[in-house]
Protein backbone atom coordinates (compact mmCIF):
# COMPACT_ATOMS: atom_id res chain seq x y z
CA MET A 1 61.48 114.60 58.24
CA THR A 2 58.15 114.77 56.44
CA ASP A 3 56.87 118.00 54.91
CA THR A 4 54.39 118.26 57.78
CA ALA A 5 57.17 117.88 60.36
CA VAL A 6 59.20 120.59 58.63
CA GLU A 7 56.21 122.94 58.61
CA LYS A 8 55.61 122.35 62.33
CA THR A 9 59.28 122.93 63.14
CA LEU A 10 59.39 126.16 61.15
CA ALA A 11 56.14 127.33 62.77
CA VAL A 12 57.59 126.81 66.24
CA LEU A 13 60.85 128.53 65.27
CA GLU A 14 58.94 131.52 63.91
CA ALA A 15 56.74 131.71 67.04
CA LEU A 16 59.85 131.56 69.22
CA ALA A 17 60.81 135.00 67.94
CA ASP A 18 57.77 136.47 69.75
CA HIS A 19 57.03 133.99 72.54
CA SER A 20 59.09 132.15 75.12
CA ARG A 21 56.58 129.94 76.97
CA ILE A 22 55.44 126.61 75.58
CA THR A 23 51.79 127.50 76.22
CA ASP A 24 52.07 130.71 74.22
CA ILE A 25 53.95 129.02 71.37
CA ALA A 26 51.32 126.25 71.25
CA ARG A 27 48.56 128.87 71.06
CA ALA A 28 50.37 130.80 68.31
CA THR A 29 51.02 127.72 66.19
CA GLY A 30 47.90 125.71 66.96
CA LEU A 31 50.06 122.72 67.89
CA PRO A 32 49.71 120.53 71.00
CA LYS A 33 51.99 121.52 73.86
CA SER A 34 53.60 118.08 73.78
CA THR A 35 54.55 118.58 70.13
CA VAL A 36 55.91 122.06 70.82
CA HIS A 37 57.97 120.73 73.72
CA ARG A 38 59.41 117.92 71.60
CA LEU A 39 60.34 120.26 68.76
CA LEU A 40 61.90 122.78 71.13
CA GLN A 41 64.04 120.06 72.67
CA ALA A 42 65.27 119.11 69.20
CA MET A 43 66.05 122.78 68.53
CA VAL A 44 67.98 123.03 71.79
CA ASP A 45 70.07 120.04 70.75
CA ARG A 46 70.93 121.78 67.45
CA GLY A 47 71.50 125.23 68.93
CA PHE A 48 68.37 126.83 67.46
CA ALA A 49 66.77 127.36 70.89
CA THR A 50 68.06 128.01 74.40
CA PRO A 51 66.17 127.01 77.58
CA THR A 52 65.70 129.64 80.29
CA ALA A 53 64.00 129.73 83.69
CA ASP A 54 60.83 131.09 82.05
CA GLY A 55 60.80 129.14 78.80
CA TYR A 56 62.92 129.34 75.68
CA LEU A 57 64.81 131.89 73.61
CA THR A 58 66.16 131.70 70.07
CA GLY A 59 69.54 129.98 70.17
CA PRO A 60 72.99 131.05 69.05
CA ARG A 61 72.75 129.19 65.77
CA VAL A 62 69.83 131.38 64.68
CA LEU A 63 71.92 134.47 65.44
CA ALA A 64 74.89 133.03 63.56
CA LEU A 65 72.78 132.33 60.48
CA ALA A 66 71.23 135.79 60.65
CA GLY A 67 74.66 137.33 60.81
CA LYS A 68 75.77 135.45 57.69
CA VAL A 69 72.71 136.66 55.81
CA LEU A 70 72.90 140.26 56.99
CA ARG A 71 76.66 140.70 56.58
CA PRO A 72 76.59 140.84 52.76
CA LEU A 73 73.63 143.24 52.84
CA ASP A 74 75.44 145.54 55.25
CA THR A 75 78.57 145.32 53.14
CA VAL A 76 76.64 146.28 50.01
CA GLU A 77 75.08 149.32 51.67
CA ARG A 78 78.40 150.59 52.98
CA ALA A 79 80.30 149.82 49.77
CA ARG A 80 77.84 151.22 47.22
CA PRO A 81 79.07 154.89 47.22
CA HIS A 82 82.63 153.73 46.62
CA LEU A 83 81.55 151.38 43.84
CA ARG A 84 79.74 154.22 42.09
CA ALA A 85 82.76 156.50 42.42
CA LEU A 86 85.06 153.80 41.03
CA GLN A 87 82.75 153.19 38.09
CA GLU A 88 82.67 156.90 37.25
CA SER A 89 86.45 157.25 37.46
CA THR A 90 87.25 154.16 35.38
CA SER A 91 84.23 153.90 33.03
CA CYS A 92 84.33 150.16 33.75
CA THR A 93 81.67 147.89 35.18
CA VAL A 94 82.34 147.50 38.90
CA HIS A 95 81.56 144.36 40.91
CA LEU A 96 81.43 143.63 44.61
CA ALA A 97 81.77 139.98 45.63
CA VAL A 98 81.84 138.24 49.00
CA LEU A 99 83.44 134.95 49.92
CA PHE A 100 81.23 131.92 50.62
CA GLY A 101 83.32 128.81 51.21
CA ASP A 102 85.44 128.16 48.13
CA GLU A 103 83.42 130.48 45.89
CA LEU A 104 82.82 134.16 45.38
CA VAL A 105 79.28 135.48 45.01
CA TYR A 106 78.44 138.76 43.31
CA VAL A 107 76.38 140.90 45.70
CA ASP A 108 76.47 144.24 43.89
CA LYS A 109 77.22 145.58 40.43
CA VAL A 110 77.43 149.05 38.93
CA GLU A 111 77.15 148.75 35.17
CA ALA A 112 79.25 150.95 32.88
CA ASP A 113 77.47 153.30 30.52
CA LYS A 114 78.24 151.19 27.47
CA PRO A 115 76.15 149.82 24.59
CA TYR A 116 76.74 146.34 26.00
CA ARG A 117 76.14 144.70 29.39
CA MET A 118 78.41 142.30 31.23
CA ALA A 119 77.06 138.77 31.56
CA SER A 120 77.64 138.80 35.31
CA ARG A 121 74.58 138.95 37.57
CA LEU A 122 73.87 139.33 41.26
CA GLY A 123 73.95 135.99 43.04
CA MET A 124 76.26 134.42 40.47
CA SER A 125 78.97 132.29 42.06
CA LEU A 126 82.38 131.69 40.56
CA PRO A 127 85.61 129.93 41.51
CA VAL A 128 88.03 132.04 43.48
CA HIS A 129 91.26 131.36 41.58
CA GLY A 130 89.90 132.45 38.19
CA THR A 131 88.94 136.02 39.08
CA ALA A 132 90.78 139.21 39.98
CA ILE A 133 88.85 139.54 43.24
CA GLY A 134 89.47 135.90 44.06
CA LYS A 135 93.21 136.08 43.49
CA ALA A 136 93.40 139.16 45.70
CA VAL A 137 91.59 137.15 48.38
CA LEU A 138 93.86 134.12 47.95
CA ALA A 139 96.95 136.32 48.21
CA ALA A 140 95.82 137.36 51.70
CA LEU A 141 95.50 133.78 52.97
CA PRO A 142 98.13 132.02 55.08
CA THR A 143 100.10 129.42 53.12
CA SER A 144 98.34 126.52 54.84
CA GLU A 145 94.88 127.83 53.90
CA LEU A 146 95.98 128.53 50.32
CA ASN A 147 97.33 124.98 49.98
CA ALA A 148 94.10 123.59 51.43
CA TYR A 149 92.06 125.57 48.88
CA ILE A 150 94.19 124.26 46.02
CA THR A 151 93.82 120.68 47.27
CA ARG A 152 90.06 120.95 47.74
CA THR A 153 89.26 122.56 44.41
CA GLY A 154 91.94 121.22 42.09
CA LEU A 155 91.99 124.61 40.30
CA PRO A 156 89.50 123.78 37.52
CA GLY A 157 89.69 125.81 34.32
CA ARG A 158 86.83 127.95 33.03
CA THR A 159 88.57 129.29 29.93
CA PRO A 160 91.81 128.39 28.11
CA HIS A 161 93.43 131.24 30.08
CA THR A 162 92.52 130.10 33.60
CA ILE A 163 95.54 129.34 35.76
CA THR A 164 95.23 125.66 36.69
CA SER A 165 98.82 125.10 37.83
CA ALA A 166 99.49 125.51 41.56
CA PRO A 167 103.11 126.73 41.10
CA ARG A 168 102.05 129.28 38.49
CA LEU A 169 99.17 130.50 40.67
CA LYS A 170 101.44 130.85 43.70
CA ALA A 171 103.99 132.82 41.67
CA GLN A 172 101.29 135.22 40.54
CA LEU A 173 99.95 135.58 44.09
CA GLU A 174 103.42 136.69 45.21
CA ARG A 175 103.13 139.61 42.81
CA VAL A 176 99.61 140.32 44.05
CA ARG A 177 100.88 140.53 47.64
CA ARG A 178 103.32 143.24 46.60
CA SER A 179 100.89 145.33 44.54
CA ARG A 180 97.73 144.47 46.55
CA PHE A 181 95.66 144.16 43.38
CA ALA A 182 95.16 141.24 41.01
CA LEU A 183 94.36 140.74 37.34
CA ASP A 184 91.98 138.47 35.48
CA ASP A 185 93.17 138.26 31.88
CA GLU A 186 90.20 136.47 30.29
CA GLU A 187 90.51 133.73 32.92
CA ASN A 188 86.87 133.65 34.01
CA GLU A 189 85.22 134.76 30.79
CA VAL A 190 86.78 134.95 27.34
CA GLY A 191 86.93 138.54 26.12
CA VAL A 192 86.68 140.11 29.59
CA ARG A 193 89.51 141.51 31.70
CA CYS A 194 89.30 142.64 35.34
CA VAL A 195 91.46 144.20 38.00
CA GLY A 196 90.46 143.60 41.60
CA SER A 197 91.46 144.13 45.21
CA ALA A 198 90.40 142.53 48.49
CA ILE A 199 88.28 144.14 51.20
CA ARG A 200 88.45 143.49 54.95
CA ASP A 201 85.84 143.70 57.69
CA HIS A 202 86.25 145.38 61.09
CA SER A 203 88.35 142.47 62.39
CA GLY A 204 90.77 142.58 59.48
CA ALA A 205 89.46 139.37 57.95
CA VAL A 206 89.30 139.34 54.14
CA VAL A 207 85.61 138.94 53.26
CA GLY A 208 85.65 139.54 49.51
CA GLY A 209 86.63 142.30 47.16
CA LEU A 210 85.74 144.61 44.33
CA SER A 211 86.83 144.79 40.71
CA ALA A 212 86.67 146.90 37.60
CA SER A 213 85.76 144.85 34.51
CA THR A 214 86.10 145.70 30.84
CA LEU A 215 86.18 144.07 27.44
CA ALA A 216 89.63 142.92 26.36
CA LEU A 217 89.08 144.86 23.12
CA GLU A 218 88.71 148.12 25.07
CA HIS A 219 91.61 147.86 27.53
CA SER A 220 95.00 146.30 26.99
CA LEU A 221 96.67 144.55 29.90
CA PRO A 222 99.00 147.53 30.59
CA GLU A 223 95.98 149.85 30.60
CA LEU A 224 94.24 147.57 33.06
CA ILE A 225 97.32 147.46 35.30
CA ALA A 226 97.29 151.27 35.30
CA LEU A 227 93.80 151.12 36.85
CA GLY A 228 95.07 148.91 39.68
CA PRO A 229 95.95 151.67 42.18
CA ARG A 230 92.52 153.25 41.68
CA VAL A 231 90.79 149.93 42.38
CA LEU A 232 93.03 149.37 45.41
CA ARG A 233 92.14 152.79 46.80
CA ALA A 234 88.43 152.06 46.42
CA ALA A 235 88.86 148.69 48.15
CA ASP A 236 90.66 150.35 51.05
CA GLU A 237 87.83 152.89 51.31
CA VAL A 238 85.27 150.07 51.50
CA SER A 239 87.37 148.31 54.15
CA ALA A 240 87.43 151.55 56.16
CA ALA A 241 83.66 151.84 55.80
CA LEU A 242 83.41 148.32 57.24
CA GLY A 243 85.49 149.36 60.24
CA TRP A 244 88.99 148.31 59.20
CA LEU A 245 91.31 151.22 59.89
């Protein structure tokens, strides 16, 4: 498609939110009715529009995309009070991440009151197996889905401490299933340790998780493990806020 064709398509899609008849969409976009009809037919074929007796409505694919965009925003709003409470009780930087395919994406962060700042930023994506949140997510997957993830990604290393062996990762995930929280011992970033737990939406599906992060110089591994139950409790509170009871 040319840039002009893309602009016309987007104009028709935007007009479809307010108009259903071809005549009205043509008037709103300034396009010929024949062009509008052709573009709407293409949208119907792709699920972006639905024909009705009186014209057209936005299709199910638009609603699906909107849901994917709005879900993280809704999760952030509902999770924020629990993230703040966890930050205050641990004095660590707290992250909220959601799952997108084979990666986690940070969608919220409550920085600790420290003279330094964590290098993490909103929108940053990272491999699942090298983070505390990610390992908590992987531990909740059926064996077939876990094996598929390992096959697809190959478990690349980000630091010398990243677990890149499938048997070693699976052994650690067994421990995570029992405790319901996971550790990142400088596996995603040298000098940074995290403890994380998964969160679930109203259907019980694991959608991401939250973590408490600290410098390795400030917290030993046993000290970080001691924070695990607190992080787990906060994750369960977020899951409850999302409708998982």
